[in-house]
Amino acid sequence: MLNEEDKIVLRKLIDINIKIKEIYDSLREMEINFKTETKMFKDKLNILKRLVMAENKIYDEFKNHPEKIIEAYNEISFSRESLFEMNVLTELDDIANDYSENLIRTRIANHFLNLFLSSEESSMELSNMPFDIDGKAYSQIEIGIQTDFVSTILTILNKYLNQNKYNNIRDLLFRIKDNYAFLHEEIEYDFLEHNMQINPCLNWKAKIYADIAGLDEIEVSQIEEGLGNEVFDEKIDDIITIEEEELEDNEVLFQYTLAQILVRSAMLFLGEENAKNLQNTFKLNVYNENCIVEGEKLTDLAARGQSRIDQVLGMYDEDKKLPIIYSTRRNK
């Protein structure tokens, strides 16, 4: 159990993260209004950097105390059942809806998880992890794959941010950008170094960590493919089922656009052979051509859904040309 002193430290983390989230929100407002080169933006960004440095000093009080780290994680986290749950989808609702309290708790939990994995004593705690390598190293790779996926989402998102057709949901798209950075430490550091700008390249790190740990690249690709399949299966329905007239509503257009971004990102994680196979074989079949659904023929609904699927899957041909940088840091 955490003692009273530990609980006070945890409260400090919550308080400083409330301030960090407020700065993120104010920076986002300036981003939306094209003010990223102003003195005010630079000043706010410097405040954010100082707050992050102060936050890290608070975490130092838990450093190399894995038992306390786990206790603090369990105190703050939503997912006690699994420290290493792939949460690209589970965190998405909080990110999209800007649920600040949930985002703050998840950010702190993510930091504690990273702190635990960097602890010298954490390896023995993870002896039951799969694959014949050190459990801590495997978990770091799994988290690295998740971070690579989020980084990919952001690179694809960047293609939408300044298109006029998305002006009405520009604020919502920037919400996705900044909330992902708020939750993911490595992405935040990258943003802080680059004026909160998204990397236009795919900057992937997991395979570097895997190489250091001695994990075969094929095994890494299998984990990536599993994550890509999970996201694809979850979000493709949004592309198929949203009705055309509903897209006039900005919230629905946002959900549809976000589904596109997620499916495009998933395709890049599936590997070229699987992606090409999906392009060629993903077909909607109608077994009752006379069926009417809410006044519309099922064949017409299927044709519209297929057209949307073909459009988003076809974007893979463009996305696969994105430069990939296997590096722990963005090129200057």
Protein backbone atom coordinates (compact mmCIF):
# COMPACT_ATOMS: atom_id res chain seq x y z
CA MET A 1 0.00 0.00 0.00
CA LEU A 2 1.06 3.56 -0.65
CA ASN A 3 1.86 5.48 2.52
CA GLU A 4 0.63 9.01 3.14
CA GLU A 5 3.83 10.56 1.79
CA ASP A 6 3.47 8.58 -1.46
CA LYS A 7 -0.15 9.71 -1.80
CA ILE A 8 0.94 13.33 -1.41
CA VAL A 9 3.45 12.83 -4.23
CA LEU A 10 0.72 11.24 -6.39
CA ARG A 11 -1.49 14.26 -5.68
CA LYS A 12 1.35 16.54 -6.83
CA LEU A 13 1.48 14.60 -10.09
CA ILE A 14 -2.24 15.05 -10.61
CA ASP A 15 -2.02 18.79 -9.88
CA ILE A 16 0.89 19.38 -12.27
CA ASN A 17 -0.82 17.34 -14.96
CA ILE A 18 -3.93 19.47 -14.65
CA LYS A 19 -1.69 22.47 -15.42
CA ILE A 20 0.00 20.64 -18.31
CA LYS A 21 -3.38 19.79 -19.83
CA GLU A 22 -4.47 23.43 -19.55
CA ILE A 23 -1.35 24.52 -21.47
CA TYR A 24 -2.02 21.88 -24.13
CA ASP A 25 -5.54 23.25 -24.55
CA SER A 26 -4.35 26.83 -24.90
CA LEU A 27 -1.65 25.82 -27.40
CA ARG A 28 -4.27 23.94 -29.41
CA GLU A 29 -6.45 27.02 -29.61
CA MET A 30 -3.54 28.95 -31.10
CA GLU A 31 -2.70 26.09 -33.49
CA ILE A 32 -6.25 26.07 -34.80
CA ASN A 33 -5.95 29.80 -35.48
CA PHE A 34 -2.55 29.54 -37.25
CA LYS A 35 -0.62 31.24 -34.43
CA THR A 36 2.19 28.74 -33.94
CA GLU A 37 4.89 31.28 -34.89
CA THR A 38 3.75 33.96 -32.45
CA LYS A 39 5.62 35.00 -29.32
CA MET A 40 2.65 33.95 -27.19
CA PHE A 41 2.78 30.42 -28.60
CA LYS A 42 6.53 30.18 -27.98
CA ASP A 43 6.09 31.46 -24.43
CA LYS A 44 3.34 28.92 -23.71
CA LEU A 45 5.46 26.15 -25.20
CA ASN A 46 8.34 27.09 -22.90
CA ILE A 47 5.98 26.97 -19.93
CA LEU A 48 4.92 23.49 -21.03
CA LYS A 49 8.56 22.37 -21.26
CA ARG A 50 9.24 23.63 -17.74
CA LEU A 51 6.15 21.87 -16.38
CA VAL A 52 7.20 18.59 -18.01
CA MET A 53 10.66 18.93 -16.46
CA ALA A 54 9.08 19.56 -13.06
CA GLU A 55 6.78 16.57 -13.57
CA ASN A 56 9.75 14.31 -14.29
CA LYS A 57 11.44 15.40 -11.06
CA ILE A 58 8.37 14.25 -9.14
CA TYR A 59 8.60 10.81 -10.77
CA ASP A 60 12.19 10.60 -9.53
CA GLU A 61 10.76 10.03 -6.05
CA PHE A 62 9.50 6.63 -7.26
CA LYS A 63 12.58 5.74 -9.29
CA ASN A 64 13.97 2.22 -8.71
CA HIS A 65 11.15 1.35 -6.30
CA PRO A 66 9.17 -1.05 -8.55
CA GLU A 67 6.74 -2.11 -5.83
CA LYS A 68 5.72 1.49 -5.18
CA ILE A 69 5.52 2.19 -8.91
CA ILE A 70 3.08 -0.70 -9.38
CA GLU A 71 1.03 0.42 -6.37
CA ALA A 72 0.87 3.96 -7.75
CA TYR A 73 -0.02 2.59 -11.19
CA ASN A 74 -2.88 0.55 -9.71
CA GLU A 75 -4.06 3.60 -7.76
CA ILE A 76 -4.32 5.78 -10.86
CA SER A 77 -4.89 3.40 -13.78
CA PHE A 78 -8.13 2.20 -15.37
CA SER A 79 -6.68 -1.18 -16.44
CA ARG A 80 -5.31 -3.04 -13.46
CA GLU A 81 -5.94 -6.41 -15.14
CA SER A 82 -3.06 -5.95 -17.59
CA LEU A 83 -0.12 -3.60 -17.37
CA PHE A 84 0.67 -4.25 -21.01
CA GLU A 85 -2.71 -4.06 -22.69
CA MET A 86 -2.54 -2.57 -26.20
CA ASN A 87 -4.74 0.47 -25.65
CA VAL A 88 -4.75 2.32 -28.98
CA LEU A 89 -8.50 1.69 -29.17
CA THR A 90 -9.32 1.79 -25.46
CA GLU A 91 -7.85 5.29 -25.09
CA LEU A 92 -9.52 6.57 -28.26
CA ASP A 93 -12.84 7.60 -26.70
CA ASP A 94 -11.10 9.79 -24.11
CA ILE A 95 -8.87 11.31 -26.82
CA ALA A 96 -11.72 12.03 -29.24
CA ASN A 97 -14.04 13.45 -26.58
CA ASP A 98 -11.34 15.28 -24.63
CA TYR A 99 -12.23 13.73 -21.27
CA SER A 100 -9.58 15.62 -19.32
CA GLU A 101 -9.78 13.70 -16.04
CA ASN A 102 -9.43 10.34 -17.82
CA LEU A 103 -6.60 11.64 -20.00
CA ILE A 104 -4.69 12.89 -16.96
CA ARG A 105 -5.04 9.55 -15.18
CA THR A 106 -3.94 7.64 -18.29
CA ARG A 107 -0.96 9.95 -18.84
CA ILE A 108 0.24 9.36 -15.28
CA ALA A 109 -0.34 5.59 -15.60
CA ASN A 110 1.66 5.53 -18.85
CA HIS A 111 4.54 7.36 -17.15
CA PHE A 112 4.52 4.91 -14.25
CA LEU A 113 4.57 2.00 -16.69
CA ASN A 114 7.59 3.45 -18.50
CA LEU A 115 9.25 4.12 -15.14
CA PHE A 116 8.63 0.54 -14.06
CA LEU A 117 10.13 -0.87 -17.24
CA SER A 118 13.25 1.29 -16.82
CA SER A 119 13.72 0.06 -13.25
CA GLU A 120 16.70 -2.25 -12.75
CA GLU A 121 14.57 -4.61 -10.66
CA SER A 122 11.60 -4.93 -13.01
CA SER A 123 12.83 -7.84 -15.19
CA MET A 124 12.10 -10.55 -12.62
CA GLU A 125 8.52 -9.25 -12.27
CA LEU A 126 7.77 -10.12 -15.91
CA SER A 127 9.06 -13.69 -16.21
CA ASN A 128 5.81 -15.00 -17.71
CA MET A 129 5.83 -12.79 -20.81
CA PRO A 130 5.78 -14.58 -24.22
CA PHE A 131 8.82 -15.20 -26.45
CA ASP A 132 12.20 -16.41 -25.30
CA ILE A 133 13.59 -13.04 -24.30
CA ASP A 134 13.63 -10.94 -21.18
CA GLY A 135 10.08 -9.99 -20.20
CA LYS A 136 10.90 -6.35 -19.64
CA ALA A 137 12.44 -6.06 -23.09
CA TYR A 138 9.38 -7.66 -24.69
CA SER A 139 7.06 -5.26 -22.88
CA GLN A 140 9.13 -2.28 -23.98
CA ILE A 141 8.89 -3.51 -27.58
CA GLU A 142 5.12 -3.96 -27.27
CA ILE A 143 4.77 -0.42 -25.98
CA GLY A 144 7.14 0.76 -28.74
CA ILE A 145 4.84 -0.81 -31.36
CA GLN A 146 1.88 1.00 -29.85
CA THR A 147 3.80 4.29 -29.92
CA ASP A 148 4.77 3.63 -33.55
CA PHE A 149 1.09 3.11 -34.35
CA VAL A 150 0.08 6.36 -32.68
CA SER A 151 2.91 8.13 -34.53
CA THR A 152 1.51 6.67 -37.76
CA ILE A 153 -1.98 7.93 -36.93
CA LEU A 154 -0.53 11.41 -36.48
CA THR A 155 1.41 11.31 -39.78
CA ILE A 156 -1.77 10.28 -41.62
CA LEU A 157 -3.79 12.88 -39.67
CA ASN A 158 -1.36 15.54 -40.91
CA LYS A 159 -2.72 14.99 -44.43
CA TYR A 160 -6.16 16.19 -43.27
CA LEU A 161 -5.35 19.14 -41.00
CA ASN A 162 -5.02 21.87 -43.61
CA GLN A 163 -7.47 20.64 -46.24
CA ASN A 164 -10.32 23.10 -46.72
CA LYS A 165 -12.94 20.34 -46.83
CA TYR A 166 -12.16 19.61 -43.16
CA ASN A 167 -12.26 23.21 -41.93
CA ASN A 168 -15.46 22.57 -39.97
CA ILE A 169 -13.80 19.84 -37.93
CA ARG A 170 -10.33 21.36 -37.76
CA ASP A 171 -10.62 21.89 -34.01
CA LEU A 172 -11.60 18.24 -33.48
CA LEU A 173 -8.71 16.95 -35.59
CA PHE A 174 -6.24 19.09 -33.63
CA ARG A 175 -7.79 17.67 -30.45
CA ILE A 176 -6.74 14.20 -31.63
CA LYS A 177 -3.22 15.41 -32.38
CA ASP A 178 -2.57 17.08 -29.05
CA ASN A 179 -4.30 14.51 -26.86
CA TYR A 180 -2.22 11.71 -28.36
CA ALA A 181 0.93 13.71 -27.60
CA PHE A 182 -0.36 14.35 -24.08
CA LEU A 183 -0.68 10.60 -23.46
CA HIS A 184 2.49 9.32 -25.11
CA GLU A 185 5.78 10.42 -23.63
CA GLU A 186 8.01 9.87 -26.67
CA ILE A 187 5.61 11.68 -28.98
CA GLU A 188 5.36 14.57 -26.52
CA TYR A 189 9.15 14.96 -26.42
CA ASP A 190 9.24 14.94 -30.21
CA PHE A 191 6.54 17.64 -30.37
CA LEU A 192 8.28 19.79 -27.77
CA GLU A 193 11.46 19.71 -29.85
CA HIS A 194 9.62 20.61 -33.07
CA ASN A 195 7.18 23.38 -32.11
CA MET A 196 4.28 20.90 -31.71
CA GLN A 197 4.53 19.94 -35.39
CA ILE A 198 3.73 16.42 -36.61
CA ASN A 199 6.55 14.45 -38.19
CA PRO A 200 5.73 14.14 -41.92
CA CYS A 201 7.74 10.87 -42.01
CA LEU A 202 6.93 7.56 -40.35
CA ASN A 203 9.41 7.57 -37.48
CA TRP A 204 9.31 3.98 -36.17
CA LYS A 205 11.32 2.78 -33.20
CA ALA A 206 10.07 -0.66 -32.12
CA LYS A 207 12.23 -2.68 -34.52
CA ILE A 208 15.33 -0.92 -33.21
CA TYR A 209 14.43 -1.88 -29.65
CA ALA A 210 13.65 -5.42 -30.84
CA ASP A 211 17.02 -5.70 -32.56
CA ILE A 212 18.80 -4.64 -29.37
CA ALA A 213 16.78 -7.19 -27.36
CA GLY A 214 17.38 -9.98 -29.89
CA LEU A 215 13.74 -10.38 -30.93
CA ASP A 216 13.33 -11.62 -34.50
CA GLU A 217 11.90 -9.05 -36.92
CA ILE A 218 9.26 -11.55 -38.05
CA GLU A 219 7.92 -11.75 -34.51
CA VAL A 220 7.74 -7.95 -34.33
CA SER A 221 5.85 -7.91 -37.64
CA GLN A 222 3.37 -10.44 -36.22
CA ILE A 223 2.63 -8.17 -33.25
CA GLU A 224 2.25 -5.18 -35.60
CA GLU A 225 -0.06 -7.17 -37.85
CA GLY A 226 -2.20 -8.21 -34.88
CA LEU A 227 -2.61 -4.58 -33.82
CA GLY A 228 -3.37 -3.53 -37.39
CA ASN A 229 -6.05 -6.23 -37.71
CA GLU A 230 -7.63 -5.23 -34.40
CA VAL A 231 -7.92 -1.57 -35.39
CA PHE A 232 -9.07 -2.38 -38.95
CA ASP A 233 -11.83 -4.72 -37.74
CA GLU A 234 -13.04 -2.17 -35.19
CA LYS A 235 -13.15 0.92 -37.43
CA ILE A 236 -14.09 -0.36 -40.92
CA ASP A 237 -17.76 -0.57 -39.87
CA ASP A 238 -17.84 3.19 -39.28
CA ILE A 239 -16.81 3.73 -42.89
CA ILE A 240 -19.44 1.32 -44.20
CA THR A 241 -22.48 2.17 -42.08
CA ILE A 242 -22.56 5.97 -41.64
CA GLU A 243 -25.33 7.36 -43.83
CA GLU A 244 -24.50 9.98 -46.46
CA GLU A 245 -26.79 12.68 -45.07
CA GLU A 246 -25.32 12.17 -41.59
CA LEU A 247 -21.96 13.42 -42.87
CA GLU A 248 -23.43 16.93 -42.94
CA ASP A 249 -23.20 16.83 -39.14
CA ASN A 250 -19.70 17.86 -38.03
CA GLU A 251 -19.51 15.32 -35.22
CA VAL A 252 -20.42 12.48 -37.60
CA LEU A 253 -17.99 13.76 -40.23
CA PHE A 254 -15.31 13.78 -37.53
CA GLN A 255 -16.03 10.16 -36.57
CA TYR A 256 -15.99 9.13 -40.23
CA THR A 257 -12.71 10.97 -40.89
CA LEU A 258 -11.11 9.51 -37.77
CA ALA A 259 -12.16 6.03 -38.91
CA GLN A 260 -10.48 6.69 -42.25
CA ILE A 261 -7.27 7.78 -40.52
CA LEU A 262 -7.25 4.71 -38.28
CA VAL A 263 -7.94 2.27 -41.13
CA ARG A 264 -5.19 3.86 -43.23
CA SER A 265 -2.78 3.52 -40.32
CA ALA A 266 -3.82 -0.10 -39.77
CA MET A 267 -3.13 -0.91 -43.42
CA LEU A 268 0.48 0.22 -43.01
CA PHE A 269 0.90 -2.15 -40.06
CA LEU A 270 -0.55 -5.15 -41.90
CA GLY A 271 2.36 -5.39 -44.33
CA GLU A 272 2.20 -5.01 -48.11
CA GLU A 273 1.03 -8.53 -48.92
CA ASN A 274 -1.89 -8.39 -46.48
CA ALA A 275 -2.77 -4.82 -47.48
CA LYS A 276 -2.85 -5.71 -51.19
CA ASN A 277 -4.92 -8.80 -50.43
CA LEU A 278 -7.48 -6.63 -48.61
CA GLN A 279 -7.62 -4.22 -51.53
CA ASN A 280 -8.39 -7.10 -53.89
CA THR A 281 -10.74 -9.24 -51.78
CA PHE A 282 -12.68 -7.04 -49.31
CA LYS A 283 -16.15 -7.19 -50.88
CA LEU A 284 -19.63 -6.66 -49.42
CA ASN A 285 -22.04 -9.41 -50.45
CA VAL A 286 -25.84 -9.04 -50.58
CA TYR A 287 -27.77 -12.29 -50.33
CA ASN A 288 -31.26 -10.81 -50.54
CA GLU A 289 -31.45 -8.27 -53.33
CA ASN A 290 -35.07 -7.41 -52.53
CA CYS A 291 -34.36 -6.43 -48.91
CA ILE A 292 -35.23 -2.85 -47.90
CA VAL A 293 -33.50 -1.17 -44.93
CA GLU A 294 -35.09 2.08 -43.67
CA GLY A 295 -36.52 2.78 -47.11
CA GLU A 296 -33.33 2.04 -49.04
CA LYS A 297 -32.50 -1.10 -51.01
CA LEU A 298 -29.82 -3.21 -49.38
CA THR A 299 -28.02 -3.43 -52.73
CA ASP A 300 -27.74 0.37 -52.81
CA LEU A 301 -26.43 0.44 -49.23
CA ALA A 302 -23.85 -2.21 -50.09
CA ALA A 303 -22.77 -0.36 -53.24
CA ARG A 304 -22.23 2.84 -51.26
CA GLY A 305 -20.34 0.98 -48.54
CA GLN A 306 -18.16 -0.78 -51.10
CA SER A 307 -17.34 2.52 -52.79
CA ARG A 308 -16.16 3.95 -49.47
CA ILE A 309 -14.14 0.84 -48.68
CA ASP A 310 -12.47 0.92 -52.08
CA GLN A 311 -11.63 4.59 -51.58
CA VAL A 312 -9.98 4.18 -48.17
CA LEU A 313 -8.18 0.95 -49.08
CA GLY A 314 -6.93 2.61 -52.24
CA MET A 315 -5.23 5.26 -50.09
CA TYR A 316 -2.70 2.61 -49.10
CA ASP A 317 -1.00 3.06 -52.46
CA GLU A 318 -0.27 6.67 -51.48
CA ASP A 319 0.51 5.98 -47.83
CA LYS A 320 3.07 3.25 -48.52
CA LYS A 321 5.23 5.88 -50.25
CA LEU A 322 5.67 7.78 -46.98
CA PRO A 323 9.35 7.83 -45.97
CA ILE A 324 10.08 5.50 -43.05
CA ILE A 325 12.83 6.46 -40.61
CA TYR A 326 13.89 3.71 -38.22
CA SER A 327 15.30 5.90 -35.48
CA THR A 328 14.76 6.73 -31.84
CA ARG A 329 14.65 10.43 -32.75
CA ARG A 330 13.27 12.52 -35.61
CA ASN A 331 15.82 13.81 -38.08
CA LYS A 332 16.51 17.50 -37.62
